[in-house]
Amino acid sequence: MKKLHITLIALFMLFAAQAQTVTEKDLLGEWTPSKLEMQGTTINFKTGDVTFSKEVEEEATAGGQDIEEVKEMVKEGLAGQGIDKVRVVFKPGMAADFHKEDSVKNLTYTLKEENGATILTRSDGKIMVVSLKDGFLQIVPEGQDGAGGPSIFFEKKK
């Protein structure tokens, strides 16, 4: 019984470590988009590469589509969106500048823990789930987590 108790404690600690709380200190600095993941598709903003999961490739191939042509269509579809030009600068005092194309929103934000996730709420009402994953800041718009929606990974500018 004692071994089971110790094992359960160890498992709890492992899962607690995986659900890392994101703090204001973690966010401070300038972040630029590195990649976007959505429904089995990854777009790397640094290299311009588009990659698909095995399932997406199989589905496209079964539908008679050429994978390279589909990748080019994805690139063209994102070309005018400006996602690769977005920047976020987190400043002390729970303030942040959200840059998109030629505009800047100077906002404040709050962070709270909810069901093992860190929720960032901007002063303009936008809500997103934030996490740190392999040195990247992952941002998922509210309601998109697990629904196949976009997940944008930001890299901290040095």
Protein backbone atom coordinates (compact mmCIF):
# COMPACT_ATOMS: atom_id res chain seq x y z
CA MET A 1 0.00 0.00 0.00
CA LYS A 2 2.86 2.36 0.82
CA LYS A 3 4.44 1.74 -2.61
CA LEU A 4 1.14 2.58 -4.30
CA HIS A 5 0.91 5.81 -2.31
CA ILE A 6 4.47 6.83 -3.28
CA THR A 7 3.78 5.97 -6.93
CA LEU A 8 0.62 8.10 -6.94
CA ILE A 9 2.50 11.04 -5.41
CA ALA A 10 5.24 10.70 -8.04
CA LEU A 11 2.67 10.63 -10.86
CA PHE A 12 0.89 13.67 -9.44
CA MET A 13 4.18 15.59 -9.28
CA LEU A 14 4.99 14.61 -12.87
CA PHE A 15 1.64 15.89 -14.17
CA ALA A 16 1.85 19.03 -12.04
CA ALA A 17 5.26 19.79 -13.53
CA GLN A 18 3.85 19.42 -17.05
CA ALA A 19 1.06 21.92 -16.37
CA GLN A 20 3.49 24.78 -15.87
CA THR A 21 2.10 28.05 -14.64
CA VAL A 22 3.07 30.99 -16.85
CA THR A 23 3.94 34.12 -14.87
CA GLU A 24 4.41 37.77 -15.77
CA LYS A 25 8.17 37.30 -15.38
CA ASP A 26 8.13 34.44 -17.91
CA LEU A 27 6.45 36.67 -20.48
CA LEU A 28 8.59 39.80 -20.17
CA GLY A 29 10.33 40.71 -23.42
CA GLU A 30 9.63 40.70 -27.14
CA TRP A 31 8.15 37.64 -28.81
CA THR A 32 7.93 36.97 -32.55
CA PRO A 33 6.03 34.16 -34.31
CA SER A 34 8.03 31.07 -35.11
CA LYS A 35 5.41 28.62 -36.31
CA LEU A 36 1.70 27.98 -36.54
CA GLU A 37 0.07 24.59 -36.02
CA MET A 38 -3.47 23.85 -37.11
CA GLN A 39 -5.33 20.66 -37.95
CA GLY A 40 -2.24 18.61 -38.74
CA THR A 41 -0.51 21.41 -40.62
CA THR A 42 2.62 23.23 -39.43
CA ILE A 43 3.84 26.45 -41.01
CA ASN A 44 7.37 27.47 -40.06
CA PHE A 45 7.65 31.26 -40.38
CA LYS A 46 11.46 31.21 -40.19
CA THR A 47 11.99 28.82 -43.10
CA GLY A 48 8.70 29.15 -44.95
CA ASP A 49 8.27 25.37 -44.84
CA VAL A 50 4.84 23.79 -44.64
CA THR A 51 4.58 20.28 -43.24
CA PHE A 52 1.59 17.99 -42.85
CA SER A 53 0.85 15.19 -40.45
CA LYS A 54 0.76 11.71 -41.92
CA GLU A 55 -3.05 11.75 -41.71
CA VAL A 56 -3.35 15.02 -43.64
CA GLU A 57 -0.95 13.79 -46.34
CA GLU A 58 -2.85 10.51 -46.68
CA GLU A 59 -6.18 12.34 -46.94
CA ALA A 60 -4.85 14.72 -49.59
CA THR A 61 -3.25 11.92 -51.58
CA ALA A 62 -6.42 9.82 -51.39
CA GLY A 63 -8.33 12.83 -52.73
CA GLY A 64 -5.99 13.00 -55.73
CA GLN A 65 -4.18 16.14 -54.59
CA ASP A 66 -0.49 16.73 -55.08
CA ILE A 67 1.14 17.41 -51.67
CA GLU A 68 3.52 20.04 -53.03
CA GLU A 69 0.65 21.91 -54.70
CA VAL A 70 -1.33 21.85 -51.45
CA LYS A 71 1.70 23.24 -49.58
CA GLU A 72 1.95 26.09 -52.09
CA MET A 73 -1.78 26.83 -51.67
CA VAL A 74 -1.31 27.03 -47.89
CA LYS A 75 1.64 29.42 -48.32
CA GLU A 76 -0.35 31.61 -50.74
CA GLY A 77 -3.35 31.60 -48.40
CA LEU A 78 -1.25 32.90 -45.52
CA ALA A 79 0.76 35.38 -47.56
CA GLY A 80 -1.60 38.30 -47.05
CA GLN A 81 -2.61 37.46 -43.48
CA GLY A 82 0.40 39.09 -41.82
CA ILE A 83 0.65 36.48 -39.07
CA ASP A 84 4.41 36.27 -39.57
CA LYS A 85 4.65 40.03 -38.87
CA VAL A 86 2.89 39.92 -35.49
CA ARG A 87 4.96 40.83 -32.41
CA VAL A 88 4.10 40.92 -28.75
CA VAL A 89 6.13 42.93 -26.25
CA PHE A 90 5.32 42.13 -22.63
CA LYS A 91 6.33 44.89 -20.21
CA PRO A 92 6.47 45.12 -16.40
CA GLY A 93 3.17 45.94 -14.71
CA MET A 94 1.06 43.43 -16.71
CA ALA A 95 1.20 45.63 -19.82
CA ALA A 96 1.85 44.56 -23.39
CA ASP A 97 2.12 45.98 -26.89
CA PHE A 98 0.43 43.79 -29.50
CA HIS A 99 1.83 44.64 -32.95
CA LYS A 100 -0.02 43.58 -36.08
CA GLU A 101 1.08 44.93 -39.45
CA ASP A 102 1.13 48.74 -39.05
CA SER A 103 -0.91 48.94 -35.85
CA VAL A 104 -0.01 48.62 -32.17
CA LYS A 105 -2.44 47.94 -29.34
CA ASN A 106 -1.12 49.05 -25.94
CA LEU A 107 -3.05 46.88 -23.51
CA THR A 108 -2.95 45.45 -20.04
CA TYR A 109 -3.62 41.82 -19.27
CA THR A 110 -4.33 39.41 -16.46
CA LEU A 111 -3.19 35.84 -15.92
CA LYS A 112 -5.13 33.18 -14.07
CA GLU A 113 -4.95 29.44 -13.67
CA GLU A 114 -7.99 27.47 -14.78
CA ASN A 115 -8.19 23.68 -15.07
CA GLY A 116 -4.40 23.36 -15.26
CA ALA A 117 -4.02 26.03 -17.95
CA THR A 118 -2.86 29.65 -17.82
CA ILE A 119 -5.48 32.01 -19.20
CA LEU A 120 -4.37 35.41 -20.47
CA THR A 121 -7.15 37.98 -20.72
CA ARG A 122 -6.37 41.21 -22.57
CA SER A 123 -7.97 44.52 -21.57
CA ASP A 124 -9.80 44.53 -24.94
CA GLY A 125 -11.58 41.33 -23.92
CA LYS A 126 -9.63 38.82 -26.02
CA ILE A 127 -8.89 35.63 -24.12
CA MET A 128 -6.22 33.05 -24.90
CA VAL A 129 -4.53 30.05 -23.34
CA VAL A 130 -0.77 30.53 -22.95
CA SER A 131 1.93 28.00 -22.13
CA LEU A 132 5.67 27.62 -22.38
CA LYS A 133 6.70 24.65 -24.50
CA ASP A 134 10.30 23.83 -25.40
CA GLY A 135 11.34 27.48 -24.92
CA PHE A 136 8.48 28.82 -27.02
CA LEU A 137 5.41 30.75 -25.92
CA GLN A 138 2.38 28.91 -27.23
CA ILE A 139 -0.79 30.96 -27.67
CA VAL A 140 -4.13 29.34 -28.41
CA PRO A 141 -7.19 31.58 -28.90
CA GLU A 142 -10.06 30.91 -26.51
CA GLY A 143 -12.32 28.10 -27.60
CA GLN A 144 -9.76 26.70 -30.05
CA ASP A 145 -7.83 24.37 -27.74
CA GLY A 146 -8.49 20.81 -28.84
CA ALA A 147 -10.84 21.99 -31.56
CA GLY A 148 -8.22 21.97 -34.30
CA GLY A 149 -7.87 25.73 -34.18
CA PRO A 150 -4.63 27.63 -34.58
CA SER A 151 -1.82 27.39 -32.10
CA ILE A 152 0.89 30.01 -32.60
CA PHE A 153 4.35 29.47 -31.17
CA PHE A 154 6.38 32.60 -30.40
CA GLU A 155 10.14 32.82 -29.94
CA LYS A 156 11.65 35.26 -27.47
CA LYS A 157 13.80 37.82 -29.21
CA LYS A 158 17.29 37.95 -27.75
